[in-house]
Amino acid sequence: MINITIPELDVTIHKQEAPELSHIYGFTDFHLITREKGGIFMFYNGKDELLFVGKARKLRQRIKKHFEDTVSPMKNHRDEVVKIEVAIVDDPVDREIYETYIANKLGAKYNTEKIAGK
């Protein structure tokens, strides 16, 4: 049996009550997310339920894309996101494994293509 554990988080940011202070969807600490490194990211709602987990070669750009593009599985649910957690994971294969594992283990609501049995 393979034992997988969720990697330690490197950054957690929260949506602020005054979104006018930020041009990035209410997240004033978006600058804390690395531009240059890859890893996994998780979007949570106000009930601390995992909405979506994703992987990226460059984290900040990919996370921003989920709030901007029209093909993201999050396109109709962006307003639900109140917390973003990020873990740096350098290896692309490890990122793929973690994304699938976390989506299934924590039941990511909008990762329907990654959830076993769906």
C-alpha atoms as a PDB file:
ATOM      1  CA  MET A   1       0.000   0.000   0.000  1.00  0.00           C
ATOM      2  CA  ILE A   2       1.221   3.481  -0.835  1.00  0.00           C
ATOM      3  CA  ASN A   3       1.045   6.043   1.957  1.00  0.00           C
ATOM      4  CA  ILE A   4       0.396   9.608   0.774  1.00  0.00           C
ATOM      5  CA  THR A   5       0.185  12.591   3.086  1.00  0.00           C
ATOM      6  CA  ILE A   6      -0.938  16.071   2.167  1.00  0.00           C
ATOM      7  CA  PRO A   7       2.132  18.333   1.918  1.00  0.00           C
ATOM      8  CA  GLU A   8       2.708  21.107   4.426  1.00  0.00           C
ATOM      9  CA  LEU A   9       1.160  24.414   3.487  1.00  0.00           C
ATOM     10  CA  ASP A  10       3.444  27.289   2.580  1.00  0.00           C
ATOM     11  CA  VAL A  11       0.853  30.079   2.272  1.00  0.00           C
ATOM     12  CA  THR A  12      -2.753  30.631   3.351  1.00  0.00           C
ATOM     13  CA  ILE A  13      -4.614  33.781   2.354  1.00  0.00           C
ATOM     14  CA  HIS A  14      -8.155  34.896   3.218  1.00  0.00           C
ATOM     15  CA  LYS A  15     -10.656  37.085   1.419  1.00  0.00           C
ATOM     16  CA  GLN A  16     -10.987  40.453   3.111  1.00  0.00           C
ATOM     17  CA  GLU A  17     -14.276  42.028   4.154  1.00  0.00           C
ATOM     18  CA  ALA A  18     -13.483  45.155   2.135  1.00  0.00           C
ATOM     19  CA  PRO A  19     -12.795  43.839  -1.392  1.00  0.00           C
ATOM     20  CA  GLU A  20     -12.331  47.368  -2.713  1.00  0.00           C
ATOM     21  CA  LEU A  21      -8.894  47.282  -1.065  1.00  0.00           C
ATOM     22  CA  SER A  22      -7.783  44.601  -3.518  1.00  0.00           C
ATOM     23  CA  HIS A  23      -8.015  44.264  -7.254  1.00  0.00           C
ATOM     24  CA  ILE A  24      -7.581  40.492  -6.963  1.00  0.00           C
ATOM     25  CA  TYR A  25     -11.079  39.369  -5.937  1.00  0.00           C
ATOM     26  CA  GLY A  26     -10.831  40.498  -2.331  1.00  0.00           C
ATOM     27  CA  PHE A  27      -7.522  38.774  -1.586  1.00  0.00           C
ATOM     28  CA  THR A  28      -5.166  41.503  -0.389  1.00  0.00           C
ATOM     29  CA  ASP A  29      -2.322  39.069   0.377  1.00  0.00           C
ATOM     30  CA  PHE A  30      -2.147  37.583  -3.122  1.00  0.00           C
ATOM     31  CA  HIS A  31       1.454  38.794  -3.357  1.00  0.00           C
ATOM     32  CA  LEU A  32       2.439  36.116  -0.797  1.00  0.00           C
ATOM     33  CA  ILE A  33       1.859  33.392  -3.403  1.00  0.00           C
ATOM     34  CA  THR A  34       5.012  32.698  -5.399  1.00  0.00           C
ATOM     35  CA  ARG A  35       5.177  33.601  -9.074  1.00  0.00           C
ATOM     36  CA  GLU A  36       8.077  31.338  -9.915  1.00  0.00           C
ATOM     37  CA  LYS A  37       7.412  28.031  -8.182  1.00  0.00           C
ATOM     38  CA  GLY A  38       5.014  25.199  -8.831  1.00  0.00           C
ATOM     39  CA  GLY A  39       2.755  23.389  -6.437  1.00  0.00           C
ATOM     40  CA  ILE A  40      -0.810  22.705  -5.490  1.00  0.00           C
ATOM     41  CA  PHE A  41      -3.542  25.095  -4.396  1.00  0.00           C
ATOM     42  CA  MET A  42      -6.854  24.612  -2.639  1.00  0.00           C
ATOM     43  CA  PHE A  43      -9.923  26.862  -2.632  1.00  0.00           C
ATOM     44  CA  TYR A  44     -12.205  26.763   0.431  1.00  0.00           C
ATOM     45  CA  ASN A  45     -15.609  28.283   1.185  1.00  0.00           C
ATOM     46  CA  GLY A  46     -16.789  29.988   4.373  1.00  0.00           C
ATOM     47  CA  LYS A  47     -17.658  26.629   5.958  1.00  0.00           C
ATOM     48  CA  ASP A  48     -14.047  25.458   5.407  1.00  0.00           C
ATOM     49  CA  GLU A  49     -15.217  22.958   2.781  1.00  0.00           C
ATOM     50  CA  LEU A  50     -12.792  22.195  -0.033  1.00  0.00           C
ATOM     51  CA  LEU A  51     -14.227  23.539  -3.267  1.00  0.00           C
ATOM     52  CA  PHE A  52     -11.377  22.854  -5.667  1.00  0.00           C
ATOM     53  CA  VAL A  53      -7.788  21.623  -5.714  1.00  0.00           C
ATOM     54  CA  GLY A  54      -5.442  22.310  -8.590  1.00  0.00           C
ATOM     55  CA  LYS A  55      -1.824  22.104  -9.605  1.00  0.00           C
ATOM     56  CA  ALA A  56       0.382  24.605 -11.369  1.00  0.00           C
ATOM     57  CA  ARG A  57       3.849  25.082 -12.772  1.00  0.00           C
ATOM     58  CA  LYS A  58       3.642  28.732 -11.672  1.00  0.00           C
ATOM     59  CA  LEU A  59       1.198  29.113  -8.821  1.00  0.00           C
ATOM     60  CA  ARG A  60       0.157  32.767  -8.742  1.00  0.00           C
ATOM     61  CA  GLN A  61      -0.596  32.968 -12.456  1.00  0.00           C
ATOM     62  CA  ARG A  62      -2.636  29.745 -12.440  1.00  0.00           C
ATOM     63  CA  ILE A  63      -4.666  30.724  -9.384  1.00  0.00           C
ATOM     64  CA  LYS A  64      -5.473  34.095 -10.945  1.00  0.00           C
ATOM     65  CA  LYS A  65      -6.619  32.315 -14.116  1.00  0.00           C
ATOM     66  CA  HIS A  66      -9.287  30.477 -12.123  1.00  0.00           C
ATOM     67  CA  PHE A  67     -10.764  33.853 -11.200  1.00  0.00           C
ATOM     68  CA  GLU A  68     -10.552  35.238 -14.739  1.00  0.00           C
ATOM     69  CA  ASP A  69     -11.039  32.671 -17.495  1.00  0.00           C
ATOM     70  CA  THR A  70     -14.284  31.293 -18.864  1.00  0.00           C
ATOM     71  CA  VAL A  71     -13.306  27.609 -18.893  1.00  0.00           C
ATOM     72  CA  SER A  72     -12.348  27.160 -15.242  1.00  0.00           C
ATOM     73  CA  PRO A  73     -14.517  24.712 -13.285  1.00  0.00           C
ATOM     74  CA  MET A  74     -14.695  27.564 -10.765  1.00  0.00           C
ATOM     75  CA  LYS A  75     -16.173  30.109 -13.192  1.00  0.00           C
ATOM     76  CA  ASN A  76     -19.641  29.980 -11.593  1.00  0.00           C
ATOM     77  CA  HIS A  77     -18.369  29.571  -8.031  1.00  0.00           C
ATOM     78  CA  ARG A  78     -15.677  32.224  -7.623  1.00  0.00           C
ATOM     79  CA  ASP A  79     -17.678  34.185  -5.062  1.00  0.00           C
ATOM     80  CA  GLU A  80     -17.698  31.142  -2.764  1.00  0.00           C
ATOM     81  CA  VAL A  81     -13.906  31.194  -2.334  1.00  0.00           C
ATOM     82  CA  VAL A  82     -12.858  32.797   0.959  1.00  0.00           C
ATOM     83  CA  LYS A  83      -9.565  30.984   1.601  1.00  0.00           C
ATOM     84  CA  ILE A  84      -6.727  29.834  -0.628  1.00  0.00           C
ATOM     85  CA  GLU A  85      -4.062  27.428   0.613  1.00  0.00           C
ATOM     86  CA  VAL A  86      -0.835  26.789  -1.293  1.00  0.00           C
ATOM     87  CA  ALA A  87       1.873  24.147  -0.972  1.00  0.00           C
ATOM     88  CA  ILE A  88       5.096  24.314  -2.975  1.00  0.00           C
ATOM     89  CA  VAL A  89       5.657  21.024  -4.809  1.00  0.00           C
ATOM     90  CA  ASP A  90       8.513  21.096  -7.306  1.00  0.00           C
ATOM     91  CA  ASP A  91       8.023  17.771  -9.075  1.00  0.00           C
ATOM     92  CA  PRO A  92       5.229  17.736 -11.709  1.00  0.00           C
ATOM     93  CA  VAL A  93       4.455  14.062 -11.109  1.00  0.00           C
ATOM     94  CA  ASP A  94       4.118  14.699  -7.378  1.00  0.00           C
ATOM     95  CA  ARG A  95       1.750  17.612  -8.128  1.00  0.00           C
ATOM     96  CA  GLU A  96      -0.481  15.329 -10.195  1.00  0.00           C
ATOM     97  CA  ILE A  97      -0.552  12.705  -7.439  1.00  0.00           C
ATOM     98  CA  TYR A  98      -1.313  15.242  -4.708  1.00  0.00           C
ATOM     99  CA  GLU A  99      -4.055  16.896  -6.737  1.00  0.00           C
ATOM    100  CA  THR A 100      -5.882  13.608  -7.316  1.00  0.00           C
ATOM    101  CA  TYR A 101      -5.298  12.377  -3.763  1.00  0.00           C
ATOM    102  CA  ILE A 102      -6.538  15.586  -2.107  1.00  0.00           C
ATOM    103  CA  ALA A 103      -9.566  15.869  -4.414  1.00  0.00           C
ATOM    104  CA  ASN A 104     -10.621  12.360  -3.393  1.00  0.00           C
ATOM    105  CA  LYS A 105      -9.537  12.385   0.258  1.00  0.00           C
ATOM    106  CA  LEU A 106     -11.140  15.740   1.096  1.00  0.00           C
ATOM    107  CA  GLY A 107     -13.982  15.536  -1.436  1.00  0.00           C
ATOM    108  CA  ALA A 108     -13.284  18.630  -3.517  1.00  0.00           C
ATOM    109  CA  LYS A 109     -16.728  19.812  -4.605  1.00  0.00           C
ATOM    110  CA  TYR A 110     -15.800  21.054  -8.094  1.00  0.00           C
ATOM    111  CA  ASN A 111     -13.067  18.557  -9.085  1.00  0.00           C
ATOM    112  CA  THR A 112     -15.605  16.215 -10.626  1.00  0.00           C
ATOM    113  CA  GLU A 113     -13.158  14.831 -13.215  1.00  0.00           C
ATOM    114  CA  LYS A 114     -10.678  13.803 -10.481  1.00  0.00           C
ATOM    115  CA  ILE A 115     -13.091  12.155  -8.042  1.00  0.00           C
ATOM    116  CA  ALA A 116     -13.156   8.362  -8.231  1.00  0.00           C
ATOM    117  CA  GLY A 117     -16.574   6.949  -9.006  1.00  0.00           C
ATOM    118  CA  LYS A 118     -18.034  10.166 -10.453  1.00  0.00           C
END
